[in-house]
Amino acid sequence: MKEIDSYKLGKVQVTITESEKPNKLTVSCFDGEYRSEFTVSEYEFKNYRRLMNQRITQAYKNAGEEEDKN
C-alpha cells in the first residue's frame, strides 16, 4: 500500500499507509520491540491526529511499564 506519512513519536516509529478499505488508513507503530497496527478513517487522521498520537505514546509507555513489572 502507498505510504501517506511517516514520523517518530519519541522512540516509536509511526507509518501511515493506505488501507484496502475505502477512506481508511492503516497506522503502524513500532518501537524496536513492540509492533501495533490499527485502522482509522481519513477524517479521524486529519482531525484527531494529536489525540491519536497521545494515545500511541501512552500505550507504548504502559507496555514498557508492564514489562518492567514482570
N, C-alpha and C. Protein backbone atom coordinates (compact mmCIF):
# COMPACT_ATOMS: atom_id res chain seq x y z
N MET A 1 0.83 -1.19 0.00
CA MET A 1 0.00 0.00 0.00
C MET A 1 0.88 1.26 0.00
N LYS A 2 0.33 2.33 -0.49
CA LYS A 2 1.05 3.59 -0.62
C LYS A 2 1.21 4.26 0.75
N GLU A 3 2.44 4.71 1.06
CA GLU A 3 2.70 5.40 2.31
C GLU A 3 2.20 6.84 2.22
N ILE A 4 1.46 7.27 3.25
CA ILE A 4 0.90 8.62 3.32
C ILE A 4 1.81 9.53 4.14
N ASP A 5 2.31 9.01 5.27
CA ASP A 5 3.12 9.80 6.19
C ASP A 5 3.95 8.85 7.05
N SER A 6 5.04 9.37 7.58
CA SER A 6 5.90 8.60 8.48
C SER A 6 6.58 9.59 9.42
N TYR A 7 6.58 9.28 10.72
CA TYR A 7 7.20 10.18 11.69
C TYR A 7 7.52 9.42 12.97
N LYS A 8 8.30 10.07 13.85
CA LYS A 8 8.69 9.48 15.13
C LYS A 8 7.92 10.16 16.26
N LEU A 9 7.47 9.34 17.20
CA LEU A 9 6.90 9.82 18.47
C LEU A 9 7.82 9.30 19.55
N GLY A 10 8.81 10.09 19.91
CA GLY A 10 9.82 9.59 20.83
C GLY A 10 10.56 8.44 20.17
N LYS A 11 10.52 7.25 20.79
CA LYS A 11 11.20 6.09 20.20
C LYS A 11 10.27 5.27 19.30
N VAL A 12 9.02 5.67 19.16
CA VAL A 12 8.04 4.93 18.35
C VAL A 12 8.02 5.47 16.92
N GLN A 13 8.26 4.60 15.96
CA GLN A 13 8.15 4.95 14.54
C GLN A 13 6.72 4.71 14.10
N VAL A 14 6.07 5.74 13.58
CA VAL A 14 4.67 5.66 13.13
C VAL A 14 4.66 5.80 11.61
N THR A 15 3.97 4.87 10.94
CA THR A 15 3.84 4.91 9.50
C THR A 15 2.36 4.83 9.13
N ILE A 16 1.92 5.76 8.30
CA ILE A 16 0.52 5.81 7.85
C ILE A 16 0.50 5.37 6.39
N THR A 17 -0.31 4.36 6.08
CA THR A 17 -0.44 3.88 4.70
C THR A 17 -1.90 3.77 4.32
N GLU A 18 -2.14 3.72 3.02
CA GLU A 18 -3.50 3.49 2.54
C GLU A 18 -3.94 2.11 2.98
N SER A 19 -5.23 1.95 3.20
CA SER A 19 -5.82 0.67 3.57
C SER A 19 -6.52 0.09 2.36
N GLU A 20 -6.84 -1.18 2.42
CA GLU A 20 -7.62 -1.81 1.35
C GLU A 20 -9.06 -1.31 1.36
N LYS A 21 -9.50 -0.81 2.51
CA LYS A 21 -10.86 -0.29 2.64
C LYS A 21 -10.91 1.16 2.19
N PRO A 22 -11.95 1.57 1.49
CA PRO A 22 -12.06 2.96 1.04
C PRO A 22 -12.14 3.93 2.22
N ASN A 23 -11.47 5.06 2.08
CA ASN A 23 -11.48 6.14 3.08
C ASN A 23 -10.91 5.72 4.43
N LYS A 24 -10.10 4.67 4.45
CA LYS A 24 -9.47 4.21 5.68
C LYS A 24 -7.96 4.22 5.51
N LEU A 25 -7.26 4.45 6.62
CA LEU A 25 -5.80 4.44 6.64
C LEU A 25 -5.32 3.45 7.69
N THR A 26 -4.19 2.84 7.44
CA THR A 26 -3.59 1.92 8.40
C THR A 26 -2.46 2.64 9.12
N VAL A 27 -2.48 2.59 10.45
CA VAL A 27 -1.46 3.20 11.28
C VAL A 27 -0.62 2.06 11.86
N SER A 28 0.68 2.04 11.52
CA SER A 28 1.60 1.03 12.03
C SER A 28 2.59 1.70 12.97
N CYS A 29 2.77 1.10 14.15
CA CYS A 29 3.66 1.65 15.17
C CYS A 29 4.69 0.59 15.57
N PHE A 30 5.95 1.00 15.75
CA PHE A 30 6.99 0.06 16.15
C PHE A 30 8.05 0.81 16.95
N ASP A 31 8.37 0.30 18.13
CA ASP A 31 9.38 0.95 18.98
C ASP A 31 10.67 0.14 19.07
N GLY A 32 10.85 -0.82 18.20
CA GLY A 32 12.03 -1.67 18.23
C GLY A 32 11.76 -2.99 18.93
N GLU A 33 10.69 -3.04 19.72
CA GLU A 33 10.32 -4.26 20.43
C GLU A 33 8.86 -4.64 20.17
N TYR A 34 7.96 -3.68 20.35
CA TYR A 34 6.53 -3.94 20.18
C TYR A 34 6.03 -3.35 18.87
N ARG A 35 5.17 -4.09 18.17
CA ARG A 35 4.55 -3.62 16.93
C ARG A 35 3.04 -3.60 17.13
N SER A 36 2.42 -2.52 16.66
CA SER A 36 0.97 -2.37 16.75
C SER A 36 0.47 -1.80 15.43
N GLU A 37 -0.74 -2.20 15.06
CA GLU A 37 -1.33 -1.72 13.82
C GLU A 37 -2.84 -1.58 14.02
N PHE A 38 -3.37 -0.47 13.53
CA PHE A 38 -4.82 -0.26 13.61
C PHE A 38 -5.25 0.60 12.44
N THR A 39 -6.56 0.67 12.23
CA THR A 39 -7.14 1.39 11.10
C THR A 39 -7.92 2.60 11.61
N VAL A 40 -7.78 3.72 10.91
CA VAL A 40 -8.54 4.94 11.21
C VAL A 40 -9.13 5.47 9.91
N SER A 41 -10.16 6.28 10.04
CA SER A 41 -10.71 6.93 8.85
C SER A 41 -9.82 8.12 8.50
N GLU A 42 -9.91 8.58 7.25
CA GLU A 42 -9.15 9.76 6.84
C GLU A 42 -9.56 10.96 7.70
N TYR A 43 -10.85 11.07 8.01
CA TYR A 43 -11.35 12.15 8.85
C TYR A 43 -10.70 12.12 10.24
N GLU A 44 -10.65 10.93 10.85
CA GLU A 44 -10.03 10.80 12.17
C GLU A 44 -8.57 11.21 12.12
N PHE A 45 -7.86 10.76 11.09
CA PHE A 45 -6.44 11.08 10.98
C PHE A 45 -6.23 12.59 10.84
N LYS A 46 -7.02 13.24 10.02
CA LYS A 46 -6.86 14.68 9.79
C LYS A 46 -7.29 15.50 11.00
N ASN A 47 -8.36 15.10 11.67
CA ASN A 47 -8.93 15.93 12.72
C ASN A 47 -8.59 15.51 14.15
N TYR A 48 -8.15 14.28 14.34
CA TYR A 48 -7.84 13.79 15.69
C TYR A 48 -6.42 13.22 15.78
N ARG A 49 -5.55 13.71 14.92
CA ARG A 49 -4.17 13.19 14.88
C ARG A 49 -3.46 13.41 16.23
N ARG A 50 -3.63 14.57 16.83
CA ARG A 50 -2.97 14.85 18.11
C ARG A 50 -3.42 13.86 19.18
N LEU A 51 -4.72 13.62 19.27
CA LEU A 51 -5.25 12.67 20.25
C LEU A 51 -4.73 11.26 19.96
N MET A 52 -4.72 10.87 18.69
CA MET A 52 -4.21 9.55 18.30
C MET A 52 -2.74 9.42 18.73
N ASN A 53 -1.93 10.46 18.50
CA ASN A 53 -0.53 10.42 18.89
C ASN A 53 -0.36 10.32 20.40
N GLN A 54 -1.19 11.01 21.16
CA GLN A 54 -1.13 10.93 22.62
C GLN A 54 -1.44 9.50 23.08
N ARG A 55 -2.43 8.87 22.46
CA ARG A 55 -2.81 7.50 22.83
C ARG A 55 -1.72 6.50 22.46
N ILE A 56 -1.09 6.70 21.31
CA ILE A 56 0.01 5.81 20.91
C ILE A 56 1.15 5.92 21.92
N THR A 57 1.54 7.16 22.24
CA THR A 57 2.62 7.39 23.20
C THR A 57 2.31 6.75 24.54
N GLN A 58 1.09 6.93 25.04
CA GLN A 58 0.69 6.37 26.33
C GLN A 58 0.67 4.85 26.29
N ALA A 59 0.17 4.28 25.21
CA ALA A 59 0.10 2.82 25.09
C ALA A 59 1.49 2.20 25.14
N TYR A 60 2.45 2.80 24.44
CA TYR A 60 3.81 2.27 24.46
C TYR A 60 4.48 2.49 25.81
N LYS A 61 4.18 3.59 26.46
CA LYS A 61 4.70 3.83 27.81
C LYS A 61 4.16 2.76 28.76
N ASN A 62 2.86 2.49 28.68
CA ASN A 62 2.24 1.47 29.54
C ASN A 62 2.80 0.09 29.25
N ALA A 63 3.07 -0.22 27.98
CA ALA A 63 3.63 -1.53 27.62
C ALA A 63 5.00 -1.71 28.25
N GLY A 64 5.80 -0.64 28.24
CA GLY A 64 7.12 -0.71 28.86
C GLY A 64 7.05 -0.88 30.36
N GLU A 65 6.07 -0.20 31.00
CA GLU A 65 5.91 -0.32 32.44
C GLU A 65 5.45 -1.71 32.83
N GLU A 66 4.57 -2.32 32.05
CA GLU A 66 4.10 -3.68 32.31
C GLU A 66 5.27 -4.66 32.21
N GLU A 67 6.14 -4.45 31.23
CA GLU A 67 7.31 -5.31 31.03
C GLU A 67 8.24 -5.21 32.24
N ASP A 68 8.38 -3.99 32.78
CA ASP A 68 9.26 -3.78 33.94
C ASP A 68 8.73 -4.49 35.19
N LYS A 69 7.41 -4.66 35.31
CA LYS A 69 6.81 -5.31 36.47
C LYS A 69 7.07 -6.81 36.48
N ASN A 70 7.26 -7.38 35.28
CA ASN A 70 7.46 -8.83 35.18
C ASN A 70 8.87 -9.20 35.32
